[in-house]
N, C-alpha and C. Protein backbone atom coordinates (compact mmCIF):
# COMPACT_ATOMS: atom_id res chain seq x y z
N MET A 1 -4.83 11.21 -13.21
CA MET A 1 -5.12 11.79 -11.92
C MET A 1 -5.55 10.70 -10.92
N ARG A 2 -6.26 9.69 -11.45
CA ARG A 2 -6.69 8.62 -10.55
C ARG A 2 -5.49 7.86 -9.98
N ALA A 3 -4.51 7.61 -10.85
CA ALA A 3 -3.33 6.87 -10.40
C ALA A 3 -2.55 7.68 -9.37
N LEU A 4 -2.48 8.98 -9.57
CA LEU A 4 -1.78 9.84 -8.61
C LEU A 4 -2.50 9.85 -7.26
N CYS A 5 -3.81 9.92 -7.28
CA CYS A 5 -4.58 9.89 -6.03
C CYS A 5 -4.38 8.56 -5.30
N GLY A 6 -4.39 7.46 -6.05
CA GLY A 6 -4.15 6.15 -5.44
C GLY A 6 -2.76 6.04 -4.85
N ALA A 7 -1.77 6.62 -5.54
CA ALA A 7 -0.40 6.59 -5.02
C ALA A 7 -0.28 7.43 -3.75
N ILE A 8 -0.98 8.56 -3.69
CA ILE A 8 -0.94 9.39 -2.49
C ILE A 8 -1.61 8.68 -1.32
N ILE A 9 -2.73 8.00 -1.58
CA ILE A 9 -3.42 7.24 -0.52
C ILE A 9 -2.50 6.13 0.00
N THR A 10 -1.85 5.43 -0.92
CA THR A 10 -0.95 4.35 -0.54
C THR A 10 0.24 4.88 0.27
N ALA A 11 0.80 6.01 -0.16
CA ALA A 11 1.93 6.58 0.57
C ALA A 11 1.52 7.00 1.98
N GLY A 12 0.34 7.58 2.12
CA GLY A 12 -0.16 7.94 3.45
C GLY A 12 -0.37 6.73 4.32
N ALA A 13 -0.87 5.65 3.73
CA ALA A 13 -1.07 4.42 4.49
C ALA A 13 0.26 3.82 4.93
N MET A 14 1.28 3.91 4.07
CA MET A 14 2.59 3.37 4.44
C MET A 14 3.22 4.19 5.58
N VAL A 15 3.06 5.50 5.54
CA VAL A 15 3.56 6.33 6.65
C VAL A 15 2.82 5.98 7.94
N ALA A 16 1.50 5.84 7.85
CA ALA A 16 0.71 5.49 9.03
C ALA A 16 1.09 4.10 9.55
N LEU A 17 1.36 3.16 8.65
CA LEU A 17 1.76 1.82 9.08
C LEU A 17 3.11 1.87 9.80
N GLY A 18 4.03 2.67 9.29
CA GLY A 18 5.32 2.81 9.97
C GLY A 18 5.18 3.41 11.35
N LEU A 19 4.35 4.44 11.48
CA LEU A 19 4.14 5.05 12.79
C LEU A 19 3.44 4.09 13.74
N THR A 20 2.53 3.29 13.21
CA THR A 20 1.85 2.29 14.04
C THR A 20 2.84 1.24 14.53
N MET A 21 3.74 0.82 13.66
CA MET A 21 4.74 -0.17 14.07
C MET A 21 5.68 0.39 15.13
N ILE A 22 6.01 1.68 15.02
CA ILE A 22 6.83 2.31 16.06
C ILE A 22 6.06 2.32 17.38
N GLY A 23 4.77 2.61 17.31
CA GLY A 23 3.94 2.60 18.52
C GLY A 23 3.84 1.22 19.15
N ILE A 24 3.71 0.20 18.31
CA ILE A 24 3.66 -1.18 18.83
C ILE A 24 5.00 -1.54 19.47
N GLY A 25 6.09 -1.12 18.83
CA GLY A 25 7.40 -1.39 19.40
C GLY A 25 7.61 -0.72 20.74
N MET A 26 7.12 0.51 20.86
CA MET A 26 7.25 1.21 22.15
C MET A 26 6.35 0.58 23.21
N ARG A 27 5.17 0.12 22.78
CA ARG A 27 4.22 -0.47 23.74
C ARG A 27 4.77 -1.76 24.33
N TYR A 28 5.39 -2.59 23.49
CA TYR A 28 5.86 -3.90 23.94
C TYR A 28 7.36 -3.96 24.13
N SER A 29 8.03 -2.82 24.28
CA SER A 29 9.48 -2.83 24.46
C SER A 29 9.89 -3.38 25.82
N SER A 30 9.02 -3.29 26.81
CA SER A 30 9.35 -3.81 28.13
C SER A 30 8.92 -5.27 28.31
N TYR A 31 8.45 -5.89 27.26
CA TYR A 31 8.06 -7.30 27.31
C TYR A 31 9.32 -8.13 27.51
N PRO A 32 9.31 -9.11 28.43
CA PRO A 32 10.54 -9.89 28.67
C PRO A 32 10.92 -10.70 27.43
N TYR A 33 12.17 -10.59 27.05
CA TYR A 33 12.63 -11.27 25.84
C TYR A 33 12.76 -12.77 26.04
N TYR A 34 13.28 -13.19 27.20
CA TYR A 34 13.45 -14.61 27.46
C TYR A 34 12.42 -15.08 28.46
N GLY A 35 11.83 -16.25 28.16
CA GLY A 35 10.81 -16.81 29.03
C GLY A 35 11.40 -17.73 30.08
N SER A 36 10.55 -18.57 30.64
CA SER A 36 10.97 -19.46 31.72
C SER A 36 11.93 -20.54 31.23
N GLU A 37 11.82 -20.94 29.97
CA GLU A 37 12.69 -21.98 29.43
C GLU A 37 13.91 -21.40 28.73
N ASN A 38 14.18 -20.13 28.96
CA ASN A 38 15.31 -19.43 28.37
C ASN A 38 15.23 -19.40 26.84
N GLN A 39 14.02 -19.41 26.33
CA GLN A 39 13.76 -19.30 24.90
C GLN A 39 13.20 -17.90 24.62
N PRO A 40 13.51 -17.32 23.47
CA PRO A 40 12.96 -16.00 23.16
C PRO A 40 11.44 -16.03 23.06
N GLN A 41 10.81 -15.02 23.62
CA GLN A 41 9.36 -14.89 23.54
C GLN A 41 9.02 -13.79 22.53
N TRP A 42 7.95 -13.99 21.80
CA TRP A 42 7.49 -13.01 20.83
C TRP A 42 6.04 -12.69 21.10
N VAL A 43 5.66 -11.46 20.89
CA VAL A 43 4.26 -11.08 21.02
C VAL A 43 3.59 -11.40 19.68
N LYS A 44 2.68 -12.33 19.68
CA LYS A 44 1.99 -12.69 18.45
C LYS A 44 0.90 -11.67 18.14
N PHE A 45 0.51 -11.62 16.88
CA PHE A 45 -0.47 -10.62 16.45
C PHE A 45 -1.79 -10.78 17.19
N ARG A 46 -2.19 -11.99 17.42
CA ARG A 46 -3.48 -12.20 18.10
C ARG A 46 -3.45 -11.79 19.57
N HIS A 47 -2.25 -11.57 20.13
CA HIS A 47 -2.13 -11.15 21.52
C HIS A 47 -1.96 -9.64 21.68
N LEU A 48 -1.99 -8.90 20.57
CA LEU A 48 -1.87 -7.44 20.66
C LEU A 48 -3.12 -6.85 21.30
N ASP A 49 -2.99 -5.59 21.73
CA ASP A 49 -4.18 -4.86 22.19
C ASP A 49 -5.16 -4.75 21.03
N SER A 50 -6.43 -4.75 21.35
CA SER A 50 -7.43 -4.73 20.29
C SER A 50 -7.37 -3.45 19.46
N THR A 51 -7.04 -2.32 20.08
CA THR A 51 -6.95 -1.08 19.31
C THR A 51 -5.76 -1.09 18.36
N LEU A 52 -4.64 -1.64 18.79
CA LEU A 52 -3.48 -1.74 17.90
C LEU A 52 -3.77 -2.72 16.76
N MET A 53 -4.42 -3.81 17.08
CA MET A 53 -4.76 -4.79 16.06
C MET A 53 -5.72 -4.19 15.03
N ALA A 54 -6.71 -3.46 15.49
CA ALA A 54 -7.68 -2.84 14.58
C ALA A 54 -7.00 -1.78 13.71
N SER A 55 -6.09 -1.01 14.29
CA SER A 55 -5.43 0.02 13.50
C SER A 55 -4.54 -0.58 12.42
N VAL A 56 -3.84 -1.66 12.73
CA VAL A 56 -3.01 -2.32 11.71
C VAL A 56 -3.88 -2.86 10.59
N ILE A 57 -4.99 -3.49 10.92
CA ILE A 57 -5.88 -4.06 9.90
C ILE A 57 -6.47 -2.95 9.04
N ILE A 58 -6.91 -1.88 9.65
CA ILE A 58 -7.51 -0.78 8.88
C ILE A 58 -6.48 -0.14 7.96
N ILE A 59 -5.27 0.07 8.45
CA ILE A 59 -4.23 0.68 7.63
C ILE A 59 -3.85 -0.23 6.47
N LEU A 60 -3.78 -1.53 6.69
CA LEU A 60 -3.49 -2.46 5.60
C LEU A 60 -4.60 -2.46 4.56
N CYS A 61 -5.85 -2.34 5.01
CA CYS A 61 -6.97 -2.26 4.06
C CYS A 61 -6.90 -0.98 3.23
N VAL A 62 -6.57 0.13 3.88
CA VAL A 62 -6.43 1.40 3.15
C VAL A 62 -5.29 1.32 2.15
N ALA A 63 -4.19 0.68 2.51
CA ALA A 63 -3.07 0.52 1.58
C ALA A 63 -3.48 -0.33 0.38
N ALA A 64 -4.23 -1.39 0.61
CA ALA A 64 -4.70 -2.23 -0.49
C ALA A 64 -5.65 -1.45 -1.41
N ILE A 65 -6.52 -0.66 -0.82
CA ILE A 65 -7.44 0.15 -1.62
C ILE A 65 -6.66 1.18 -2.44
N GLY A 66 -5.67 1.82 -1.82
CA GLY A 66 -4.85 2.79 -2.55
C GLY A 66 -4.09 2.16 -3.70
N LEU A 67 -3.53 0.96 -3.48
CA LEU A 67 -2.85 0.27 -4.56
C LEU A 67 -3.81 -0.11 -5.68
N GLY A 68 -5.01 -0.52 -5.31
CA GLY A 68 -6.01 -0.85 -6.33
C GLY A 68 -6.42 0.36 -7.15
N ILE A 69 -6.62 1.50 -6.49
CA ILE A 69 -6.96 2.73 -7.20
C ILE A 69 -5.83 3.13 -8.13
N ALA A 70 -4.60 3.06 -7.65
CA ALA A 70 -3.45 3.43 -8.49
C ALA A 70 -3.33 2.50 -9.70
N TYR A 71 -3.48 1.21 -9.49
CA TYR A 71 -3.36 0.24 -10.58
C TYR A 71 -4.48 0.43 -11.61
N LEU A 72 -5.71 0.51 -11.15
CA LEU A 72 -6.82 0.67 -12.08
C LEU A 72 -6.79 2.04 -12.75
N GLY A 73 -6.38 3.07 -12.02
CA GLY A 73 -6.27 4.40 -12.61
C GLY A 73 -5.23 4.44 -13.71
N LEU A 74 -4.09 3.78 -13.49
CA LEU A 74 -3.06 3.74 -14.52
C LEU A 74 -3.51 2.90 -15.72
N ALA A 75 -4.21 1.80 -15.45
CA ALA A 75 -4.71 0.99 -16.56
C ALA A 75 -5.74 1.77 -17.38
N TYR A 76 -6.62 2.51 -16.71
CA TYR A 76 -7.61 3.30 -17.43
C TYR A 76 -6.94 4.43 -18.20
N HIS A 77 -5.87 5.00 -17.66
CA HIS A 77 -5.14 6.06 -18.34
C HIS A 77 -4.55 5.54 -19.65
N HIS A 78 -3.94 4.35 -19.62
CA HIS A 78 -3.36 3.78 -20.83
C HIS A 78 -4.45 3.41 -21.83
N PHE A 79 -5.56 2.92 -21.37
CA PHE A 79 -6.68 2.61 -22.25
C PHE A 79 -7.19 3.88 -22.94
N ARG A 80 -7.32 4.94 -22.18
CA ARG A 80 -7.81 6.20 -22.73
C ARG A 80 -6.84 6.76 -23.76
N ARG A 81 -5.55 6.68 -23.50
CA ARG A 81 -4.55 7.16 -24.47
C ARG A 81 -4.56 6.33 -25.74
N SER A 82 -4.75 5.03 -25.63
CA SER A 82 -4.80 4.20 -26.84
C SER A 82 -6.05 4.51 -27.65
N GLU A 83 -7.16 4.80 -26.99
CA GLU A 83 -8.37 5.20 -27.72
C GLU A 83 -8.18 6.55 -28.41
N GLU A 84 -7.44 7.46 -27.78
CA GLU A 84 -7.15 8.74 -28.43
C GLU A 84 -6.31 8.53 -29.68
N MET A 85 -5.33 7.63 -29.61
CA MET A 85 -4.51 7.36 -30.78
C MET A 85 -5.33 6.76 -31.91
N LYS A 86 -6.28 5.91 -31.58
CA LYS A 86 -7.16 5.35 -32.61
C LYS A 86 -8.03 6.45 -33.22
N HIS A 87 -8.43 7.39 -32.41
CA HIS A 87 -9.27 8.49 -32.89
C HIS A 87 -8.50 9.38 -33.85
N TYR A 88 -7.22 9.64 -33.55
CA TYR A 88 -6.41 10.49 -34.40
C TYR A 88 -5.97 9.77 -35.67
N GLY A 89 -6.12 8.46 -35.72
CA GLY A 89 -5.77 7.70 -36.91
C GLY A 89 -4.35 7.18 -36.84
N GLY A 90 -4.22 5.93 -36.53
CA GLY A 90 -2.90 5.31 -36.48
C GLY A 90 -2.35 5.25 -35.08
N THR A 91 -1.27 4.51 -34.97
CA THR A 91 -0.61 4.40 -33.68
C THR A 91 0.48 5.45 -33.57
N SER A 92 1.06 5.57 -32.43
CA SER A 92 2.10 6.57 -32.23
C SER A 92 3.36 6.20 -33.02
N ARG A 93 3.60 4.93 -33.24
CA ARG A 93 4.76 4.51 -34.03
C ARG A 93 4.61 4.91 -35.48
N GLU A 94 3.37 4.79 -36.01
CA GLU A 94 3.15 5.19 -37.39
C GLU A 94 3.29 6.70 -37.54
N ARG A 95 2.83 7.45 -36.57
CA ARG A 95 2.92 8.90 -36.65
C ARG A 95 4.35 9.38 -36.51
N ALA A 96 5.19 8.63 -35.78
CA ALA A 96 6.58 9.01 -35.62
C ALA A 96 7.45 8.57 -36.78
N GLY A 97 6.91 7.74 -37.68
CA GLY A 97 7.70 7.26 -38.83
C GLY A 97 8.54 6.06 -38.52
N VAL A 98 8.29 5.36 -37.43
CA VAL A 98 9.05 4.17 -37.07
C VAL A 98 8.35 2.97 -37.66
N SER A 99 9.11 2.09 -38.33
CA SER A 99 8.46 0.91 -38.92
C SER A 99 8.60 -0.31 -38.06
């Protein structure tokens, strides 16, 4: 259940990150592509609006937390299942008759 909750948190963060990127694209779509030297101009991350920058950072942190919960939840799930197999006596291969 922990791994599923972490996966849901991560999926929500990825959807939010996609919507945020669409918002950033719409915000800076009228930015001039070519500058004075006829070279392409790019909006760097440090030049974004502070609210957009904060939202991207927060969403990335939530995605990292969700991935961590999913990874640790899955690791704990496998640990718990191996302890159950030890409790029942033997491994699953021995119980299935596989040598």
